[in-house]
C-alpha atoms as a PDB file:
ATOM      1  CA  MET A   1    -126.787 -88.965  16.223  1.00  0.00           C
ATOM      2  CA  THR A   2    -126.936 -85.171  16.275  1.00  0.00           C
ATOM      3  CA  ALA A   3    -123.836 -83.035  16.638  1.00  0.00           C
ATOM      4  CA  ILE A   4    -124.827 -82.103  20.194  1.00  0.00           C
ATOM      5  CA  GLU A   5    -125.353 -85.759  21.120  1.00  0.00           C
ATOM      6  CA  GLN A   6    -121.978 -86.642  19.634  1.00  0.00           C
ATOM      7  CA  LEU A   7    -120.289 -83.775  21.506  1.00  0.00           C
ATOM      8  CA  LYS A   8    -121.836 -84.942  24.791  1.00  0.00           C
ATOM      9  CA  HIS A   9    -120.649 -88.486  24.111  1.00  0.00           C
ATOM     10  CA  GLU A  10    -117.100 -87.460  23.204  1.00  0.00           C
ATOM     11  CA  VAL A  11    -116.707 -84.994  26.086  1.00  0.00           C
ATOM     12  CA  GLY A  12    -118.050 -87.592  28.514  1.00  0.00           C
ATOM     13  CA  GLN A  13    -115.049 -89.800  27.702  1.00  0.00           C
ATOM     14  CA  LEU A  14    -112.411 -87.114  28.341  1.00  0.00           C
ATOM     15  CA  PRO A  15    -110.419 -86.580  31.522  1.00  0.00           C
ATOM     16  CA  GLU A  16    -111.660 -83.544  33.484  1.00  0.00           C
ATOM     17  CA  SER A  17    -108.684 -81.331  32.553  1.00  0.00           C
ATOM     18  CA  LEU A  18    -109.197 -81.928  28.833  1.00  0.00           C
ATOM     19  CA  ALA A  19    -112.971 -81.524  29.151  1.00  0.00           C
ATOM     20  CA  GLN A  20    -112.316 -78.090  30.706  1.00  0.00           C
ATOM     21  CA  GLU A  21    -110.155 -77.140  27.702  1.00  0.00           C
ATOM     22  CA  VAL A  22    -112.954 -78.176  25.345  1.00  0.00           C
ATOM     23  CA  LEU A  23    -115.482 -76.187  27.381  1.00  0.00           C
ATOM     24  CA  ASP A  24    -113.262 -73.083  27.370  1.00  0.00           C
ATOM     25  CA  PHE A  25    -112.871 -73.369  23.598  1.00  0.00           C
ATOM     26  CA  LEU A  26    -116.611 -73.775  23.014  1.00  0.00           C
ATOM     27  CA  LEU A  27    -117.378 -70.773  25.201  1.00  0.00           C
ATOM     28  CA  SER A  28    -114.870 -68.637  23.284  1.00  0.00           C
ATOM     29  CA  VAL A  29    -116.407 -69.732  19.966  1.00  0.00           C
ATOM     30  CA  ARG A  30    -119.891 -68.879  21.240  1.00  0.00           C
ATOM     31  CA  GLN A  31    -118.748 -65.453  22.441  1.00  0.00           C
ATOM     32  CA  ARG A  32    -116.928 -64.678  19.182  1.00  0.00           C
ATOM     33  CA  HIS A  33    -119.957 -65.756  17.159  1.00  0.00           C
ATOM     34  CA  ALA A  34    -122.264 -63.579  19.240  1.00  0.00           C
ATOM     35  CA  THR A  35    -120.081 -60.474  19.217  1.00  0.00           C
ATOM     36  CA  GLY A  36    -118.056 -60.743  16.003  1.00  0.00           C
ATOM     37  CA  TRP A  37    -114.290 -60.197  15.996  1.00  0.00           C
ATOM     38  CA  SER A  38    -112.871 -58.688  19.152  1.00  0.00           C
ATOM     39  CA  SER A  39    -112.094 -54.983  19.067  1.00  0.00           C
ATOM     40  CA  GLY A  40    -108.639 -54.262  17.645  1.00  0.00           C
ATOM     41  CA  LEU A  41    -107.976 -57.882  16.653  1.00  0.00           C
ATOM     42  CA  PHE A  42    -106.512 -57.045  13.254  1.00  0.00           C
ATOM     43  CA  GLU A  43    -104.465 -54.143  14.580  1.00  0.00           C
ATOM     44  CA  ARG A  44    -102.907 -56.531  17.121  1.00  0.00           C
ATOM     45  CA  THR A  45    -102.128 -59.208  14.527  1.00  0.00           C
ATOM     46  CA  ALA A  46    -101.525 -59.081  10.769  1.00  0.00           C
ATOM     47  CA  GLY A  47    -102.109 -55.340  10.436  1.00  0.00           C
ATOM     48  CA  ALA A  48     -99.731 -54.502  13.256  1.00  0.00           C
ATOM     49  CA  TRP A  49     -96.311 -55.016  11.613  1.00  0.00           C
ATOM     50  CA  LYS A  50     -93.913 -52.466  13.078  1.00  0.00           C
ATOM     51  CA  GLY A  51     -90.616 -53.716  11.644  1.00  0.00           C
ATOM     52  CA  GLU A  52     -88.778 -52.768   8.473  1.00  0.00           C
ATOM     53  CA  ALA A  53     -90.823 -52.617   5.299  1.00  0.00           C
ATOM     54  CA  LEU A  54     -91.261 -56.072   3.801  1.00  0.00           C
ATOM     55  CA  GLU A  55     -89.958 -56.497   0.289  1.00  0.00           C
ATOM     56  CA  ARG A  56     -90.437 -59.463  -1.999  1.00  0.00           C
ATOM     57  CA  GLY A  57     -87.152 -60.634  -3.417  1.00  0.00           C
ATOM     58  CA  PRO A  58     -86.542 -61.671  -7.021  1.00  0.00           C
ATOM     59  CA  GLN A  59     -88.356 -64.819  -8.112  1.00  0.00           C
ATOM     60  CA  ASN A  60     -86.853 -67.685 -10.077  1.00  0.00           C
ATOM     61  CA  GLU A  61     -88.372 -68.873 -13.317  1.00  0.00           C
ATOM     62  CA  PRO A  62     -91.215 -71.338 -12.718  1.00  0.00           C
ATOM     63  CA  GLU A  63     -90.329 -74.984 -13.163  1.00  0.00           C
ATOM     64  CA  GLN A  64     -91.424 -76.700 -16.360  1.00  0.00           C
ATOM     65  CA  ARG A  65     -94.061 -79.338 -15.711  1.00  0.00           C
ATOM     66  CA  LEU A  66     -95.445 -82.121 -17.857  1.00  0.00           C
ATOM     67  CA  GLU A  67     -98.766 -81.457 -19.576  1.00  0.00           C
ATOM     68  CA  LEU A  68    -101.756 -83.147 -17.979  1.00  0.00           C
ATOM     69  CA  GLU A  69    -103.741 -85.445 -20.174  1.00  0.00           C
END
């Protein structure tokens, strides 16, 4: 069974509301694949931190583990 055949089979067993969610997701994946990342995506997410500067605190010594054989 191909992936498309399996998708058709699985979606055919879903209630209409859930099938619509699956369709919306697939359409968004297709659009993202065709156009690349949306404009400003990284500025709106990870690169957009506006709070106080993040600082890594002191780290403890690593735990001692048994040697692998």
